[in-house]
N, C-alpha and C. Protein backbone atom coordinates (compact mmCIF):
# COMPACT_ATOMS: atom_id res chain seq x y z
N MET A 1 19.24 132.00 60.74
CA MET A 1 19.57 130.50 61.16
C MET A 1 20.32 130.60 62.48
N ARG A 2 20.26 129.68 63.37
CA ARG A 2 21.03 129.79 64.41
C ARG A 2 22.31 128.68 64.71
N LYS A 3 23.15 129.47 64.77
CA LYS A 3 24.53 128.40 64.85
C LYS A 3 24.20 127.32 66.26
N ASN A 4 24.93 126.34 65.84
CA ASN A 4 24.94 125.50 67.21
C ASN A 4 26.29 125.76 67.99
N ARG A 5 25.81 126.03 69.07
CA ARG A 5 26.78 126.65 70.05
C ARG A 5 26.75 125.51 71.32
N PRO A 6 28.28 125.15 71.84
CA PRO A 6 28.01 124.33 72.71
C PRO A 6 27.38 124.92 73.95
N LYS A 7 26.86 124.18 74.86
CA LYS A 7 25.87 124.39 76.06
C LYS A 7 27.37 124.47 77.05
N PRO A 8 27.02 125.53 78.12
CA PRO A 8 27.75 125.66 79.05
C PRO A 8 27.61 124.91 80.02
N LYS A 9 28.34 124.49 80.73
CA LYS A 9 28.26 123.38 81.82
C LYS A 9 27.93 124.40 83.30
N CYS A 10 28.10 125.53 83.26
CA CYS A 10 27.82 126.04 84.46
C CYS A 10 27.40 127.94 83.91
N MET A 11 27.01 128.38 84.64
CA MET A 11 26.54 129.98 84.21
C MET A 11 27.30 130.84 85.15
N ARG A 12 27.99 132.02 84.83
CA ARG A 12 28.73 133.01 85.25
C ARG A 12 27.86 133.59 86.57
N LYS A 13 26.95 133.62 86.62
CA LYS A 13 26.04 134.14 87.68
C LYS A 13 26.05 133.20 88.77
N ASN A 14 26.22 131.91 88.77
CA ASN A 14 25.92 131.20 89.75
C ASN A 14 27.37 130.73 90.35
N LEU A 15 28.26 131.08 90.03
CA LEU A 15 29.77 130.87 90.74
C LEU A 15 30.14 131.58 91.94
N ILE A 16 30.30 131.05 92.89
CA ILE A 16 31.20 131.44 94.14
C ILE A 16 32.32 130.78 94.30
N SER A 17 33.35 131.73 94.99
CA SER A 17 34.66 130.86 95.22
C SER A 17 35.04 131.07 96.97
N LEU A 18 35.79 130.25 97.25
CA LEU A 18 36.74 130.49 98.43
C LEU A 18 37.95 130.92 98.09
N VAL A 19 38.45 131.93 98.76
CA VAL A 19 39.64 132.61 98.84
C VAL A 19 40.30 132.69 100.35
N TRP A 20 41.53 132.77 99.91
CA TRP A 20 42.39 133.14 101.30
C TRP A 20 42.27 134.56 101.94
N PRO A 21 42.08 134.50 103.03
CA PRO A 21 41.85 135.78 103.80
C PRO A 21 43.19 136.29 104.57
N VAL A 22 43.01 137.29 105.48
CA VAL A 22 44.47 137.87 106.22
C VAL A 22 44.75 136.51 107.29
N ASN A 23 43.90 136.00 107.65
CA ASN A 23 44.22 134.85 108.73
C ASN A 23 43.86 133.62 107.96
N THR A 24 45.19 132.89 107.63
CA THR A 24 44.73 131.72 106.76
C THR A 24 44.39 130.37 107.37
N CYS A 25 44.05 130.85 108.67
CA CYS A 25 43.33 129.55 109.34
C CYS A 25 42.04 129.44 108.90
N TYR A 26 41.47 130.28 108.26
CA TYR A 26 40.06 130.49 107.56
C TYR A 26 39.96 130.67 106.16
N SER A 27 38.79 130.28 105.87
CA SER A 27 38.88 130.81 104.26
C SER A 27 37.62 131.86 104.03
N ASN A 28 37.45 132.75 102.67
CA ASN A 28 36.43 133.81 102.44
C ASN A 28 35.75 133.07 101.72
N LEU A 29 34.30 133.23 101.77
CA LEU A 29 33.43 132.75 100.59
C LEU A 29 33.16 134.37 99.92
N ILE A 30 33.27 134.06 98.62
CA ILE A 30 32.71 135.23 97.92
C ILE A 30 32.06 134.90 96.77
N VAL A 31 31.00 135.86 96.39
CA VAL A 31 29.99 135.51 95.18
C VAL A 31 30.74 136.01 94.04
N GLY A 32 31.03 135.36 92.91
CA GLY A 32 31.55 135.78 91.42
C GLY A 32 32.99 134.72 91.88
N ILE A 33 33.60 135.24 90.94
CA ILE A 33 35.35 134.90 90.93
C ILE A 33 36.01 135.92 91.41
N PRO A 34 37.34 135.59 92.03
CA PRO A 34 38.34 136.39 92.24
C PRO A 34 39.07 136.98 91.29
N LYS A 35 40.03 138.08 91.63
CA LYS A 35 40.84 138.65 90.69
C LYS A 35 41.87 138.00 89.94
N GLY A 36 41.83 138.10 88.72
CA GLY A 36 43.24 137.06 88.35
C GLY A 36 42.48 135.68 87.77
N VAL A 37 41.54 135.67 87.94
CA VAL A 37 40.84 134.13 87.71
C VAL A 37 40.25 134.24 86.64
N THR A 38 40.14 133.42 85.59
CA THR A 38 39.23 133.44 84.26
C THR A 38 38.58 132.07 84.18
N VAL A 39 37.57 132.25 83.76
CA VAL A 39 36.03 130.83 83.62
C VAL A 39 36.12 130.91 82.25
N ASP A 40 36.01 129.37 82.22
CA ASP A 40 35.42 128.83 80.71
C ASP A 40 34.29 128.18 80.89
N THR A 41 33.08 128.59 80.93
CA THR A 41 31.82 128.31 81.33
C THR A 41 31.38 126.64 80.40
N VAL A 42 31.93 127.03 79.07
CA VAL A 42 31.63 125.88 78.22
C VAL A 42 32.28 124.71 78.68
N ALA A 43 33.73 124.27 79.01
CA ALA A 43 34.54 123.67 79.71
C ALA A 43 34.35 123.41 80.78
N GLY A 44 33.87 124.09 81.82
CA GLY A 44 33.33 123.91 82.99
C GLY A 44 35.06 124.28 83.82
N THR A 45 35.96 125.46 83.54
CA THR A 45 36.97 125.20 84.06
C THR A 45 37.21 126.61 84.62
N TRP A 46 38.07 126.94 85.33
CA TRP A 46 38.62 128.20 85.73
C TRP A 46 40.33 128.07 86.01
N THR A 47 40.82 128.93 85.83
CA THR A 47 42.32 129.33 85.42
C THR A 47 42.81 130.31 86.42
N PHE A 48 44.04 130.24 86.78
CA PHE A 48 45.00 131.04 87.68
C PHE A 48 46.10 130.74 87.68
N GLN A 49 47.03 131.77 87.29
CA GLN A 49 48.63 131.90 87.20
C GLN A 49 48.96 130.52 86.43
N GLY A 50 47.91 130.53 85.45
CA GLY A 50 48.56 129.31 84.39
C GLY A 50 48.23 127.88 84.55
N GLN A 51 47.39 127.90 85.94
CA GLN A 51 47.22 126.27 86.27
C GLN A 51 45.43 126.54 86.07
N THR A 52 44.83 125.34 85.36
CA THR A 52 43.62 125.33 85.06
C THR A 52 43.09 124.06 86.06
N TYR A 53 41.83 124.34 86.63
CA TYR A 53 40.97 123.23 87.71
C TYR A 53 39.87 123.27 86.70
N LYS A 54 39.10 122.36 87.09
CA LYS A 54 37.74 122.07 86.90
C LYS A 54 36.96 122.79 88.14
N ILE A 55 35.66 123.63 87.68
CA ILE A 55 34.78 124.06 88.99
C ILE A 55 34.21 122.84 89.43
N GLY A 56 34.42 123.07 90.87
CA GLY A 56 33.63 122.22 91.77
C GLY A 56 34.56 120.99 91.83
N ASP A 57 35.79 120.69 91.41
CA ASP A 57 36.51 119.88 91.74
C ASP A 57 37.40 119.50 92.72
N PRO A 58 37.60 118.31 93.18
CA PRO A 58 38.31 118.48 94.65
C PRO A 58 39.73 118.84 94.73
N GLU A 59 40.18 119.03 93.43
CA GLU A 59 41.80 119.45 93.29
C GLU A 59 41.56 121.10 93.37
N ARG A 60 42.58 121.25 94.74
CA ARG A 60 42.55 123.03 95.15
C ARG A 60 43.82 123.52 94.50
N CYS A 61 43.32 124.75 94.13
CA CYS A 61 44.38 125.33 93.85
C CYS A 61 46.00 125.65 94.42
N HIS A 62 46.99 125.47 93.73
CA HIS A 62 48.23 125.30 94.03
C HIS A 62 49.32 126.75 94.26
N CYS A 63 48.10 127.69 94.47
CA CYS A 63 48.70 129.11 94.34
C CYS A 63 49.49 129.66 95.74
N GLY A 64 49.07 128.99 96.61
CA GLY A 64 49.89 129.10 97.92
C GLY A 64 48.78 130.22 98.69
N ASP A 65 48.93 130.38 99.98
CA ASP A 65 47.80 130.98 101.11
C ASP A 65 48.06 132.04 101.02
N ILE A 66 48.03 133.14 100.14
CA ILE A 66 48.33 134.42 99.94
C ILE A 66 46.78 135.12 99.90
N THR A 67 46.48 136.22 100.79
CA THR A 67 45.37 136.98 100.92
C THR A 67 44.84 137.24 99.33
N GLY A 68 43.68 137.03 99.30
CA GLY A 68 42.86 137.18 97.90
C GLY A 68 42.92 136.13 96.94
N ASN A 69 43.95 135.12 97.10
CA ASN A 69 44.04 133.68 96.15
C ASN A 69 43.25 133.03 96.16
N PRO A 70 42.88 132.25 95.09
CA PRO A 70 41.69 131.45 95.23
C PRO A 70 42.06 129.96 95.79
N ILE A 71 41.10 129.25 96.43
CA ILE A 71 41.29 128.04 96.95
C ILE A 71 40.45 127.05 96.11
N GLY A 72 39.16 127.65 95.77
CA GLY A 72 38.31 126.89 94.57
C GLY A 72 37.03 127.69 94.32
N VAL A 73 36.45 127.12 93.11
CA VAL A 73 35.52 128.12 92.35
C VAL A 73 34.30 126.99 92.24
N TYR A 74 33.04 127.27 92.94
CA TYR A 74 32.12 126.17 92.83
C TYR A 74 30.86 127.13 91.92
N ASP A 75 29.76 126.11 91.54
CA ASP A 75 28.78 126.28 90.91
C ASP A 75 27.75 126.15 92.34
N ARG A 76 26.91 127.26 92.79
CA ARG A 76 26.24 127.26 93.78
C ARG A 76 25.13 126.44 93.54
N THR A 77 24.44 126.25 92.16
CA THR A 77 23.51 125.55 91.76
C THR A 77 23.60 124.05 91.84
N LYS A 78 24.80 123.47 92.35
CA LYS A 78 25.12 122.03 92.22
C LYS A 78 25.70 121.29 93.24
N ILE A 79 24.69 120.63 94.07
CA ILE A 79 25.01 119.94 95.56
C ILE A 79 26.35 119.36 95.75
N LYS A 80 26.97 118.78 94.37
CA LYS A 80 28.25 118.38 94.52
C LYS A 80 29.17 119.43 94.85
N HIS A 81 28.86 120.35 94.06
CA HIS A 81 30.11 121.64 94.27
C HIS A 81 29.83 122.13 95.56
N LEU A 82 28.65 122.19 96.25
CA LEU A 82 28.75 122.76 97.60
C LEU A 82 29.27 121.70 98.49
N ASN A 83 29.10 120.46 98.48
CA ASN A 83 29.65 119.61 99.29
C ASN A 83 31.28 119.83 99.28
N GLN A 84 31.71 119.65 97.92
CA GLN A 84 33.15 120.36 97.83
C GLN A 84 33.57 121.58 98.66
N MET A 85 32.62 122.62 98.49
CA MET A 85 33.52 123.70 99.00
C MET A 85 33.55 123.53 100.59
N LYS A 86 32.57 122.77 100.94
CA LYS A 86 32.44 122.84 102.56
C LYS A 86 33.87 121.70 103.05
N GLU A 87 34.05 120.40 102.26
CA GLU A 87 35.45 119.93 102.52
C GLU A 87 36.28 120.90 102.37
N ASP A 88 36.62 121.62 101.45
CA ASP A 88 37.71 122.51 100.90
C ASP A 88 37.88 123.70 102.34
N ALA A 89 36.57 124.06 102.67
CA ALA A 89 36.80 125.12 103.88
C ALA A 89 37.16 124.18 105.02
N GLU A 90 36.60 123.04 105.29
CA GLU A 90 37.15 122.52 106.41
C GLU A 90 38.52 121.93 106.60
N TRP A 91 39.01 121.54 105.22
CA TRP A 91 40.32 121.57 105.17
C TRP A 91 41.13 122.50 105.55
N VAL A 92 40.85 123.90 105.21
CA VAL A 92 41.63 125.04 105.54
C VAL A 92 41.72 125.15 107.03
N ARG A 93 40.40 124.85 107.57
CA ARG A 93 40.13 125.19 109.20
C ARG A 93 41.12 124.03 109.92
N THR A 94 41.31 122.76 109.23
CA THR A 94 42.06 121.82 110.13
C THR A 94 43.48 121.32 109.55
N ARG A 95 43.84 122.37 108.68
CA ARG A 95 45.18 121.90 107.99
C ARG A 95 46.52 121.98 108.89
N PHE A 96 46.49 122.76 110.01
CA PHE A 96 47.52 122.73 110.73
C PHE A 96 47.71 121.96 112.27
N SER A 97 46.26 121.27 112.53
CA SER A 97 46.08 120.52 113.43
C SER A 97 46.78 119.01 113.54
């Protein structure tokens, strides 16, 4: 007999992340999730330093612009998430202008 498991909102293999590089005028895109980040695929959330965010959500991580820290986590198969990633990368680039 098969147990009823909740369907995940995303798959771990489809996750990409923006992180802070050495030069914080830019952002780095990585495949997967950064160190220190945990993901709940059923809830569609990610957690870093005790703060939980929705994957692909407009709220950026409040962890500070320290090299390697996450800015956001996105599902690369969802256009809404890719648009948000683009907006977050643009925010990084223009935040001091």
